All heavy atoms as atom14 arrays in JSON, in Angstrom:
{
  "sequence": "CGALHVMWEDLAEIRTVAVADGLRGQGIGHLIVDELLVRARMVGVARV",
  "atom14_mask": [
    [1, 1, 1, 1, 1, 1, 0, 0, 0, 0, 0, 0, 0, 0],
    [1, 1, 1, 1, 0, 0, 0, 0, 0, 0, 0, 0, 0, 0],
    [1, 1, 1, 1, 1, 0, 0, 0, 0, 0, 0, 0, 0, 0],
    [1, 1, 1, 1, 1, 1, 1, 1, 0, 0, 0, 0, 0, 0],
    [1, 1, 1, 1, 1, 1, 1, 1, 1, 1, 0, 0, 0, 0],
    [1, 1, 1, 1, 1, 1, 1, 0, 0, 0, 0, 0, 0, 0],
    [1, 1, 1, 1, 1, 1, 1, 1, 0, 0, 0, 0, 0, 0],
    [1, 1, 1, 1, 1, 1, 1, 1, 1, 1, 1, 1, 1, 1],
    [1, 1, 1, 1, 1, 1, 1, 1, 1, 0, 0, 0, 0, 0],
    [1, 1, 1, 1, 1, 1, 1, 1, 0, 0, 0, 0, 0, 0],
    [1, 1, 1, 1, 1, 1, 1, 1, 0, 0, 0, 0, 0, 0],
    [1, 1, 1, 1, 1, 0, 0, 0, 0, 0, 0, 0, 0, 0],
    [1, 1, 1, 1, 1, 1, 1, 1, 1, 0, 0, 0, 0, 0],
    [1, 1, 1, 1, 1, 1, 1, 1, 0, 0, 0, 0, 0, 0],
    [1, 1, 1, 1, 1, 1, 1, 1, 1, 1, 1, 0, 0, 0],
    [1, 1, 1, 1, 1, 1, 1, 0, 0, 0, 0, 0, 0, 0],
    [1, 1, 1, 1, 1, 1, 1, 0, 0, 0, 0, 0, 0, 0],
    [1, 1, 1, 1, 1, 0, 0, 0, 0, 0, 0, 0, 0, 0],
    [1, 1, 1, 1, 1, 1, 1, 0, 0, 0, 0, 0, 0, 0],
    [1, 1, 1, 1, 1, 0, 0, 0, 0, 0, 0, 0, 0, 0],
    [1, 1, 1, 1, 1, 1, 1, 1, 0, 0, 0, 0, 0, 0],
    [1, 1, 1, 1, 0, 0, 0, 0, 0, 0, 0, 0, 0, 0],
    [1, 1, 1, 1, 1, 1, 1, 1, 0, 0, 0, 0, 0, 0],
    [1, 1, 1, 1, 1, 1, 1, 1, 1, 1, 1, 0, 0, 0],
    [1, 1, 1, 1, 0, 0, 0, 0, 0, 0, 0, 0, 0, 0],
    [1, 1, 1, 1, 1, 1, 1, 1, 1, 0, 0, 0, 0, 0],
    [1, 1, 1, 1, 0, 0, 0, 0, 0, 0, 0, 0, 0, 0],
    [1, 1, 1, 1, 1, 1, 1, 1, 0, 0, 0, 0, 0, 0],
    [1, 1, 1, 1, 0, 0, 0, 0, 0, 0, 0, 0, 0, 0],
    [1, 1, 1, 1, 1, 1, 1, 1, 1, 1, 0, 0, 0, 0],
    [1, 1, 1, 1, 1, 1, 1, 1, 0, 0, 0, 0, 0, 0],
    [1, 1, 1, 1, 1, 1, 1, 1, 0, 0, 0, 0, 0, 0],
    [1, 1, 1, 1, 1, 1, 1, 0, 0, 0, 0, 0, 0, 0],
    [1, 1, 1, 1, 1, 1, 1, 1, 0, 0, 0, 0, 0, 0],
    [1, 1, 1, 1, 1, 1, 1, 1, 1, 0, 0, 0, 0, 0],
    [1, 1, 1, 1, 1, 1, 1, 1, 0, 0, 0, 0, 0, 0],
    [1, 1, 1, 1, 1, 1, 1, 1, 0, 0, 0, 0, 0, 0],
    [1, 1, 1, 1, 1, 1, 1, 0, 0, 0, 0, 0, 0, 0],
    [1, 1, 1, 1, 1, 1, 1, 1, 1, 1, 1, 0, 0, 0],
    [1, 1, 1, 1, 1, 0, 0, 0, 0, 0, 0, 0, 0, 0],
    [1, 1, 1, 1, 1, 1, 1, 1, 1, 1, 1, 0, 0, 0],
    [1, 1, 1, 1, 1, 1, 1, 1, 0, 0, 0, 0, 0, 0],
    [1, 1, 1, 1, 1, 1, 1, 0, 0, 0, 0, 0, 0, 0],
    [1, 1, 1, 1, 0, 0, 0, 0, 0, 0, 0, 0, 0, 0],
    [1, 1, 1, 1, 1, 1, 1, 0, 0, 0, 0, 0, 0, 0],
    [1, 1, 1, 1, 1, 0, 0, 0, 0, 0, 0, 0, 0, 0],
    [1, 1, 1, 1, 1, 1, 1, 1, 1, 1, 1, 0, 0, 0],
    [1, 1, 1, 1, 1, 1, 1, 0, 0, 0, 0, 0, 0, 0]
  ],
  "atom14_positions": [
    [[67.96, 82.62, -114.7], [67.78, 83.27, -113.41], [68.27, 84.71, -113.49], [68.98, 85.09, -114.42], [68.54, 82.53, -112.31], [70.35, 82.62, -112.49], [0.0, 0.0, 0.0], [0.0, 0.0, 0.0], [0.0, 0.0, 0.0], [0.0, 0.0, 0.0], [0.0, 0.0, 0.0], [0.0, 0.0, 0.0], [0.0, 0.0, 0.0], [0.0, 0.0, 0.0]],
    [[67.9, 85.48, -112.51], [68.38, 86.84, -112.37], [67.97, 87.36, -111.01], [67.07, 86.81, -110.36], [0.0, 0.0, 0.0], [0.0, 0.0, 0.0], [0.0, 0.0, 0.0], [0.0, 0.0, 0.0], [0.0, 0.0, 0.0], [0.0, 0.0, 0.0], [0.0, 0.0, 0.0], [0.0, 0.0, 0.0], [0.0, 0.0, 0.0], [0.0, 0.0, 0.0]],
    [[68.64, 88.43, -110.56], [68.36, 88.96, -109.23], [68.26, 90.48, -109.27], [68.9, 91.13, -110.11], [69.46, 88.54, -108.26], [0.0, 0.0, 0.0], [0.0, 0.0, 0.0], [0.0, 0.0, 0.0], [0.0, 0.0, 0.0], [0.0, 0.0, 0.0], [0.0, 0.0, 0.0], [0.0, 0.0, 0.0], [0.0, 0.0, 0.0], [0.0, 0.0, 0.0]],
    [[67.47, 91.01, -108.37], [67.36, 92.44, -108.16], [67.81, 92.72, -106.74], [67.21, 92.25, -105.78], [65.91, 92.92, -108.35], [65.72, 94.42, -108.14], [66.27, 95.2, -109.32], [64.24, 94.75, -107.94], [0.0, 0.0, 0.0], [0.0, 0.0, 0.0], [0.0, 0.0, 0.0], [0.0, 0.0, 0.0], [0.0, 0.0, 0.0], [0.0, 0.0, 0.0]],
    [[68.88, 93.5, -106.63], [69.45, 93.83, -105.32], [69.21, 95.31, -105.04], [69.76, 96.17, -105.75], [70.95, 93.53, -105.29], [71.6, 93.83, -104.0], [71.48, 93.02, -102.89], [72.38, 94.88, -103.61], [72.16, 93.55, -101.88], [72.71, 94.68, -102.3], [0.0, 0.0, 0.0], [0.0, 0.0, 0.0], [0.0, 0.0, 0.0], [0.0, 0.0, 0.0]],
    [[68.39, 95.61, -104.05], [68.13, 96.99, -103.68], [69.35, 97.51, -102.94], [69.83, 96.89, -101.99], [66.86, 97.12, -102.82], [66.67, 98.55, -102.34], [65.64, 96.66, -103.61], [0.0, 0.0, 0.0], [0.0, 0.0, 0.0], [0.0, 0.0, 0.0], [0.0, 0.0, 0.0], [0.0, 0.0, 0.0], [0.0, 0.0, 0.0], [0.0, 0.0, 0.0]],
    [[69.84, 98.66, -103.41], [71.05, 99.25, -102.83], [70.74, 100.47, -101.97], [71.46, 100.75, -101.02], [72.0, 99.66, -103.96], [72.46, 98.48, -104.78], [73.34, 98.96, -106.27], [74.9, 99.43, -105.58], [0.0, 0.0, 0.0], [0.0, 0.0, 0.0], [0.0, 0.0, 0.0], [0.0, 0.0, 0.0], [0.0, 0.0, 0.0], [0.0, 0.0, 0.0]],
    [[69.68, 101.19, -102.31], [69.3, 102.39, -101.58], [67.84, 102.67, -101.86], [67.21, 101.98, -102.66], [70.21, 103.56, -102.0], [70.22, 104.68, -101.0], [69.64, 105.91, -101.14], [70.8, 104.67, -99.69], [69.85, 106.65, -100.0], [70.57, 105.91, -99.1], [71.52, 103.71, -98.97], [71.0, 106.24, -97.81], [71.95, 104.04, -97.7], [71.7, 105.29, -97.13]],
    [[67.29, 103.68, -101.24], [65.87, 104.01, -101.38], [65.42, 104.08, -102.84], [64.34, 103.61, -103.18], [65.59, 105.36, -100.7], [64.16, 105.82, -100.86], [63.92, 107.19, -100.24], [64.89, 107.85, -99.83], [62.76, 107.59, -100.19], [0.0, 0.0, 0.0], [0.0, 0.0, 0.0], [0.0, 0.0, 0.0], [0.0, 0.0, 0.0], [0.0, 0.0, 0.0]],
    [[66.23, 104.65, -103.69], [65.83, 104.86, -105.08], [66.7, 104.11, -106.08], [66.65, 104.38, -107.28], [65.86, 106.35, -105.41], [67.28, 106.92, -105.38], [68.16, 106.32, -104.72], [67.52, 107.95, -106.03], [0.0, 0.0, 0.0], [0.0, 0.0, 0.0], [0.0, 0.0, 0.0], [0.0, 0.0, 0.0], [0.0, 0.0, 0.0], [0.0, 0.0, 0.0]],
    [[67.5, 103.16, -105.62], [68.48, 102.52, -106.5], [68.56, 101.02, -106.24], [68.65, 100.58, -105.09], [69.86, 103.15, -106.26], [71.0, 102.65, -107.11], [70.8, 103.04, -108.57], [72.33, 103.22, -106.59], [0.0, 0.0, 0.0], [0.0, 0.0, 0.0], [0.0, 0.0, 0.0], [0.0, 0.0, 0.0], [0.0, 0.0, 0.0], [0.0, 0.0, 0.0]],
    [[68.55, 100.26, -107.33], [68.72, 98.81, -107.25], [69.64, 98.38, -108.38], [69.85, 99.11, -109.35], [67.38, 98.09, -107.37], [0.0, 0.0, 0.0], [0.0, 0.0, 0.0], [0.0, 0.0, 0.0], [0.0, 0.0, 0.0], [0.0, 0.0, 0.0], [0.0, 0.0, 0.0], [0.0, 0.0, 0.0], [0.0, 0.0, 0.0], [0.0, 0.0, 0.0]],
    [[70.17, 97.17, -108.25], [71.03, 96.61, -109.28], [70.42, 95.32, -109.8], [69.97, 94.47, -109.02], [72.42, 96.29, -108.72], [73.34, 95.67, -109.75], [74.67, 95.19, -109.2], [74.83, 95.15, -107.96], [75.55, 94.85, -110.01], [0.0, 0.0, 0.0], [0.0, 0.0, 0.0], [0.0, 0.0, 0.0], [0.0, 0.0, 0.0], [0.0, 0.0, 0.0]],
    [[70.42, 95.17, -111.12], [70.12, 93.87, -111.72], [71.43, 93.14, -111.81], [72.43, 93.66, -112.31], [69.47, 94.03, -113.12], [68.04, 94.51, -112.96], [69.54, 92.71, -113.88], [67.28, 94.65, -114.27], [0.0, 0.0, 0.0], [0.0, 0.0, 0.0], [0.0, 0.0, 0.0], [0.0, 0.0, 0.0], [0.0, 0.0, 0.0], [0.0, 0.0, 0.0]],
    [[71.43, 91.91, -111.3], [72.66, 91.12, -111.28], [72.35, 89.64, -111.52], [71.22, 89.19, -111.39], [73.41, 91.31, -109.96], [72.55, 91.05, -108.73], [73.31, 91.02, -107.43], [73.91, 92.28, -107.02], [74.39, 92.51, -105.81], [74.32, 91.57, -104.88], [74.93, 93.67, -105.52], [0.0, 0.0, 0.0], [0.0, 0.0, 0.0], [0.0, 0.0, 0.0]],
    [[73.38, 88.92, -111.86], [73.35, 87.47, -111.99], [72.28, 87.0, -112.98], [71.57, 86.04, -112.74], [73.17, 86.78, -110.62], [73.93, 87.47, -109.62], [73.64, 85.33, -110.66], [0.0, 0.0, 0.0], [0.0, 0.0, 0.0], [0.0, 0.0, 0.0], [0.0, 0.0, 0.0], [0.0, 0.0, 0.0], [0.0, 0.0, 0.0], [0.0, 0.0, 0.0]],
    [[72.17, 87.69, -114.12], [71.26, 87.24, -115.17], [71.99, 86.16, -115.96], [73.06, 86.41, -116.53], [70.83, 88.4, -116.09], [69.98, 87.88, -117.25], [70.07, 89.46, -115.3], [0.0, 0.0, 0.0], [0.0, 0.0, 0.0], [0.0, 0.0, 0.0], [0.0, 0.0, 0.0], [0.0, 0.0, 0.0], [0.0, 0.0, 0.0], [0.0, 0.0, 0.0]],
    [[71.42, 84.97, -115.98], [72.05, 83.83, -116.65], [70.99, 82.96, -117.31], [69.91, 82.76, -116.76], [72.85, 83.0, -115.64], [0.0, 0.0, 0.0], [0.0, 0.0, 0.0], [0.0, 0.0, 0.0], [0.0, 0.0, 0.0], [0.0, 0.0, 0.0], [0.0, 0.0, 0.0], [0.0, 0.0, 0.0], [0.0, 0.0, 0.0], [0.0, 0.0, 0.0]],
    [[71.32, 82.46, -118.49], [70.45, 81.58, -119.25], [71.24, 80.32, -119.56], [72.44, 80.38, -119.85], [69.95, 82.26, -120.55], [69.13, 81.3, -121.39], [69.14, 83.51, -120.21], [0.0, 0.0, 0.0], [0.0, 0.0, 0.0], [0.0, 0.0, 0.0], [0.0, 0.0, 0.0], [0.0, 0.0, 0.0], [0.0, 0.0, 0.0], [0.0, 0.0, 0.0]],
    [[70.57, 79.19, -119.52], [71.22, 77.89, -119.75], [71.91, 77.85, -121.11], [71.42, 78.41, -122.09], [70.19, 76.78, -119.65], [0.0, 0.0, 0.0], [0.0, 0.0, 0.0], [0.0, 0.0, 0.0], [0.0, 0.0, 0.0], [0.0, 0.0, 0.0], [0.0, 0.0, 0.0], [0.0, 0.0, 0.0], [0.0, 0.0, 0.0], [0.0, 0.0, 0.0]],
    [[73.06, 77.18, -121.14], [73.77, 76.96, -122.4], [72.8, 76.35, -123.42], [71.97, 75.52, -123.08], [74.95, 75.99, -122.2], [76.14, 76.63, -121.52], [76.22, 77.88, -121.5], [76.99, 75.88, -121.0], [0.0, 0.0, 0.0], [0.0, 0.0, 0.0], [0.0, 0.0, 0.0], [0.0, 0.0, 0.0], [0.0, 0.0, 0.0], [0.0, 0.0, 0.0]],
    [[72.89, 76.8, -124.64], [72.04, 76.26, -125.7], [70.69, 76.94, -125.83], [69.97, 76.72, -126.79], [0.0, 0.0, 0.0], [0.0, 0.0, 0.0], [0.0, 0.0, 0.0], [0.0, 0.0, 0.0], [0.0, 0.0, 0.0], [0.0, 0.0, 0.0], [0.0, 0.0, 0.0], [0.0, 0.0, 0.0], [0.0, 0.0, 0.0], [0.0, 0.0, 0.0]],
    [[70.33, 77.78, -124.85], [69.03, 78.46, -124.9], [69.17, 79.97, -125.03], [68.17, 80.68, -125.08], [68.19, 78.11, -123.66], [67.78, 76.65, -123.53], [67.03, 76.42, -122.24], [66.94, 76.23, -124.73], [0.0, 0.0, 0.0], [0.0, 0.0, 0.0], [0.0, 0.0, 0.0], [0.0, 0.0, 0.0], [0.0, 0.0, 0.0], [0.0, 0.0, 0.0]],
    [[70.41, 80.45, -125.08], [70.6, 81.9, -125.23], [70.09, 82.34, -126.6], [70.15, 81.6, -127.56], [72.08, 82.25, -125.06], [72.53, 82.06, -123.64], [73.96, 82.56, -123.41], [74.42, 82.03, -122.15], [75.24, 81.0, -122.02], [75.74, 80.41, -123.08], [75.58, 80.56, -120.83], [0.0, 0.0, 0.0], [0.0, 0.0, 0.0], [0.0, 0.0, 0.0]],
    [[69.6, 83.57, -126.66], [69.1, 84.12, -127.91], [67.63, 83.82, -128.18], [67.12, 84.15, -129.24], [0.0, 0.0, 0.0], [0.0, 0.0, 0.0], [0.0, 0.0, 0.0], [0.0, 0.0, 0.0], [0.0, 0.0, 0.0], [0.0, 0.0, 0.0], [0.0, 0.0, 0.0], [0.0, 0.0, 0.0], [0.0, 0.0, 0.0], [0.0, 0.0, 0.0]],
    [[66.95, 83.22, -127.22], [65.54, 82.87, -127.39], [64.61, 83.8, -126.63], [63.41, 83.56, -126.55], [65.29, 81.43, -126.96], [66.02, 80.42, -127.81], [65.67, 79.0, -127.45], [64.59, 78.73, -126.93], [66.57, 78.08, -127.73], [0.0, 0.0, 0.0], [0.0, 0.0, 0.0], [0.0, 0.0, 0.0], [0.0, 0.0, 0.0], [0.0, 0.0, 0.0]],
    [[65.14, 84.86, -126.03], [64.3, 85.81, -125.32], [64.17, 85.55, -123.83], [63.49, 86.3, -123.12], [0.0, 0.0, 0.0], [0.0, 0.0, 0.0], [0.0, 0.0, 0.0], [0.0, 0.0, 0.0], [0.0, 0.0, 0.0], [0.0, 0.0, 0.0], [0.0, 0.0, 0.0], [0.0, 0.0, 0.0], [0.0, 0.0, 0.0], [0.0, 0.0, 0.0]],
    [[64.82, 84.53, -123.33], [64.7, 84.18, -121.91], [65.34, 85.26, -121.04], [64.78, 85.65, -120.02], [65.32, 82.78, -121.64], [64.5, 81.72, -122.38], [65.38, 82.49, -120.15], [65.16, 80.36, -122.46], [0.0, 0.0, 0.0], [0.0, 0.0, 0.0], [0.0, 0.0, 0.0], [0.0, 0.0, 0.0], [0.0, 0.0, 0.0], [0.0, 0.0, 0.0]],
    [[66.49, 85.77, -121.44], [67.14, 86.86, -120.69], [66.27, 88.1, -120.65], [66.18, 88.77, -119.62], [0.0, 0.0, 0.0], [0.0, 0.0, 0.0], [0.0, 0.0, 0.0], [0.0, 0.0, 0.0], [0.0, 0.0, 0.0], [0.0, 0.0, 0.0], [0.0, 0.0, 0.0], [0.0, 0.0, 0.0], [0.0, 0.0, 0.0], [0.0, 0.0, 0.0]],
    [[65.59, 88.41, -121.75], [64.69, 89.56, -121.78], [63.52, 89.36, -120.81], [63.09, 90.28, -120.13], [64.17, 89.8, -123.2], [65.23, 90.28, -124.14], [65.77, 91.54, -124.07], [65.86, 89.64, -125.16], [66.69, 91.67, -125.02], [66.77, 90.53, -125.69], [0.0, 0.0, 0.0], [0.0, 0.0, 0.0], [0.0, 0.0, 0.0], [0.0, 0.0, 0.0]],
    [[63.03, 88.15, -120.77], [61.95, 87.82, -119.84], [62.39, 88.06, -118.4], [61.63, 88.62, -117.59], [61.56, 86.35, -120.06], [60.35, 85.8, -119.34], [59.09, 86.56, -119.68], [60.17, 84.33, -119.69], [0.0, 0.0, 0.0], [0.0, 0.0, 0.0], [0.0, 0.0, 0.0], [0.0, 0.0, 0.0], [0.0, 0.0, 0.0], [0.0, 0.0, 0.0]],
    [[63.6, 87.66, -118.08], [64.14, 87.86, -116.73], [64.25, 89.35, -116.41], [63.78, 89.8, -115.36], [65.52, 87.17, -116.58], [65.37, 85.65, -116.68], [66.2, 87.58, -115.28], [66.67, 84.9, -116.91], [0.0, 0.0, 0.0], [0.0, 0.0, 0.0], [0.0, 0.0, 0.0], [0.0, 0.0, 0.0], [0.0, 0.0, 0.0], [0.0, 0.0, 0.0]],
    [[64.86, 90.11, -117.28], [65.04, 91.55, -117.03], [63.69, 92.25, -116.93], [63.5, 93.09, -116.05], [65.96, 92.19, -118.1], [65.97, 93.71, -117.97], [67.37, 91.63, -117.96], [0.0, 0.0, 0.0], [0.0, 0.0, 0.0], [0.0, 0.0, 0.0], [0.0, 0.0, 0.0], [0.0, 0.0, 0.0], [0.0, 0.0, 0.0], [0.0, 0.0, 0.0]],
    [[62.76, 91.9, -117.79], [61.42, 92.5, -117.7], [60.81, 92.27, -116.32], [60.25, 93.18, -115.71], [60.49, 91.94, -118.77], [60.81, 92.45, -120.17], [61.56, 93.44, -120.3], [60.31, 91.82, -121.14], [0.0, 0.0, 0.0], [0.0, 0.0, 0.0], [0.0, 0.0, 0.0], [0.0, 0.0, 0.0], [0.0, 0.0, 0.0], [0.0, 0.0, 0.0]],
    [[60.93, 91.06, -115.81], [60.38, 90.74, -114.49], [61.1, 91.52, -113.4], [60.47, 92.04, -112.47], [60.49, 89.24, -114.21], [60.09, 88.84, -112.8], [58.63, 89.08, -112.46], [57.8, 89.24, -113.37], [58.3, 89.09, -111.25], [0.0, 0.0, 0.0], [0.0, 0.0, 0.0], [0.0, 0.0, 0.0], [0.0, 0.0, 0.0], [0.0, 0.0, 0.0]],
    [[62.41, 91.62, -113.48], [63.17, 92.34, -112.46], [62.82, 93.83, -112.47], [62.77, 94.47, -111.41], [64.67, 92.11, -112.64], [65.12, 90.65, -112.43], [66.59, 90.49, -112.78], [64.82, 90.16, -111.02], [0.0, 0.0, 0.0], [0.0, 0.0, 0.0], [0.0, 0.0, 0.0], [0.0, 0.0, 0.0], [0.0, 0.0, 0.0], [0.0, 0.0, 0.0]],
    [[62.54, 94.37, -113.63], [62.12, 95.78, -113.7], [60.73, 95.98, -113.11], [60.47, 97.0, -112.46], [62.2, 96.29, -115.14], [63.62, 96.39, -115.71], [63.57, 96.79, -117.19], [64.48, 97.35, -114.9], [0.0, 0.0, 0.0], [0.0, 0.0, 0.0], [0.0, 0.0, 0.0], [0.0, 0.0, 0.0], [0.0, 0.0, 0.0], [0.0, 0.0, 0.0]],
    [[59.86, 95.01, -113.3], [58.54, 95.06, -112.64], [58.73, 95.06, -111.13], [58.11, 95.86, -110.41], [57.65, 93.87, -113.08], [56.44, 93.71, -112.17], [57.22, 94.03, -114.53], [0.0, 0.0, 0.0], [0.0, 0.0, 0.0], [0.0, 0.0, 0.0], [0.0, 0.0, 0.0], [0.0, 0.0, 0.0], [0.0, 0.0, 0.0], [0.0, 0.0, 0.0]],
    [[59.59, 94.21, -110.64], [59.86, 94.14, -109.2], [60.45, 95.45, -108.68], [60.1, 95.9, -107.59], [60.8, 92.98, -108.88], [60.16, 91.62, -109.08], [61.15, 90.51, -108.87], [60.5, 89.22, -109.02], [60.9, 88.12, -108.42], [61.95, 88.14, -107.62], [60.26, 86.99, -108.6], [0.0, 0.0, 0.0], [0.0, 0.0, 0.0], [0.0, 0.0, 0.0]],
    [[61.34, 96.05, -109.46], [61.93, 97.32, -109.05], [60.85, 98.38, -108.89], [60.84, 99.13, -107.9], [62.99, 97.77, -110.07], [0.0, 0.0, 0.0], [0.0, 0.0, 0.0], [0.0, 0.0, 0.0], [0.0, 0.0, 0.0], [0.0, 0.0, 0.0], [0.0, 0.0, 0.0], [0.0, 0.0, 0.0], [0.0, 0.0, 0.0], [0.0, 0.0, 0.0]],
    [[59.94, 98.43, -109.85], [58.84, 99.41, -109.76], [57.95, 99.11, -108.55], [57.5, 100.02, -107.86], [58.02, 99.38, -111.04], [58.73, 100.03, -112.21], [57.88, 99.96, -113.5], [58.57, 100.57, -114.62], [59.29, 99.89, -115.52], [59.39, 98.56, -115.45], [59.9, 100.53, -116.5], [0.0, 0.0, 0.0], [0.0, 0.0, 0.0], [0.0, 0.0, 0.0]],
    [[57.72, 97.83, -108.28], [56.84, 97.44, -107.16], [57.4, 97.88, -105.81], [56.63, 98.21, -104.91], [56.6, 95.92, -107.16], [55.65, 95.48, -108.26], [55.46, 93.67, -108.36], [55.16, 93.2, -106.68], [0.0, 0.0, 0.0], [0.0, 0.0, 0.0], [0.0, 0.0, 0.0], [0.0, 0.0, 0.0], [0.0, 0.0, 0.0], [0.0, 0.0, 0.0]],
    [[58.72, 97.88, -105.66], [59.3, 98.28, -104.38], [59.63, 99.77, -104.33], [60.14, 100.26, -103.32], [60.55, 97.44, -103.99], [60.17, 95.98, -103.83], [61.69, 97.62, -104.97], [0.0, 0.0, 0.0], [0.0, 0.0, 0.0], [0.0, 0.0, 0.0], [0.0, 0.0, 0.0], [0.0, 0.0, 0.0], [0.0, 0.0, 0.0], [0.0, 0.0, 0.0]],
    [[59.35, 100.5, -105.41], [59.52, 101.94, -105.41], [60.87, 102.46, -105.84], [61.2, 103.62, -105.59], [0.0, 0.0, 0.0], [0.0, 0.0, 0.0], [0.0, 0.0, 0.0], [0.0, 0.0, 0.0], [0.0, 0.0, 0.0], [0.0, 0.0, 0.0], [0.0, 0.0, 0.0], [0.0, 0.0, 0.0], [0.0, 0.0, 0.0], [0.0, 0.0, 0.0]],
    [[61.65, 101.62, -106.5], [62.96, 102.04, -106.96], [62.8, 102.92, -108.2], [62.01, 102.62, -109.08], [63.84, 100.81, -107.28], [65.11, 101.19, -107.98], [64.13, 100.03, -106.01], [0.0, 0.0, 0.0], [0.0, 0.0, 0.0], [0.0, 0.0, 0.0], [0.0, 0.0, 0.0], [0.0, 0.0, 0.0], [0.0, 0.0, 0.0], [0.0, 0.0, 0.0]],
    [[63.54, 104.01, -108.26], [63.46, 104.94, -109.4], [64.56, 104.73, -110.42], [64.44, 105.15, -111.57], [63.5, 106.38, -108.89], [0.0, 0.0, 0.0], [0.0, 0.0, 0.0], [0.0, 0.0, 0.0], [0.0, 0.0, 0.0], [0.0, 0.0, 0.0], [0.0, 0.0, 0.0], [0.0, 0.0, 0.0], [0.0, 0.0, 0.0], [0.0, 0.0, 0.0]],
    [[65.66, 104.08, -110.0], [66.8, 103.86, -110.89], [67.31, 102.44, -110.72], [67.39, 101.94, -109.61], [67.93, 104.85, -110.59], [67.51, 106.31, -110.74], [68.59, 107.28, -110.33], [69.01, 107.06, -108.95], [70.21, 107.38, -108.48], [71.11, 107.93, -109.25], [70.51, 107.16, -107.21], [0.0, 0.0, 0.0], [0.0, 0.0, 0.0], [0.0, 0.0, 0.0]],
    [[67.68, 101.84, -111.85], [68.22, 100.48, -111.82], [69.57, 100.51, -112.53], [69.7, 101.01, -113.65], [67.27, 99.47, -112.5], [67.86, 98.07, -112.46], [65.9, 99.5, -111.83], [0.0, 0.0, 0.0], [0.0, 0.0, 0.0], [0.0, 0.0, 0.0], [0.0, 0.0, 0.0], [0.0, 0.0, 0.0], [0.0, 0.0, 0.0], [0.0, 0.0, 0.0]]
  ]
}
């Protein structure tokens, strides 16, 4: 899981990125961050 928290017009935070025990290192965290960055762009955030 992971979350994108919009803080201001041009700023958001990626937070609470977590991957299940035993599955870390398989690219799941990267998948989450990639998606959150897509979402940031979709809402017009310029900085994360």
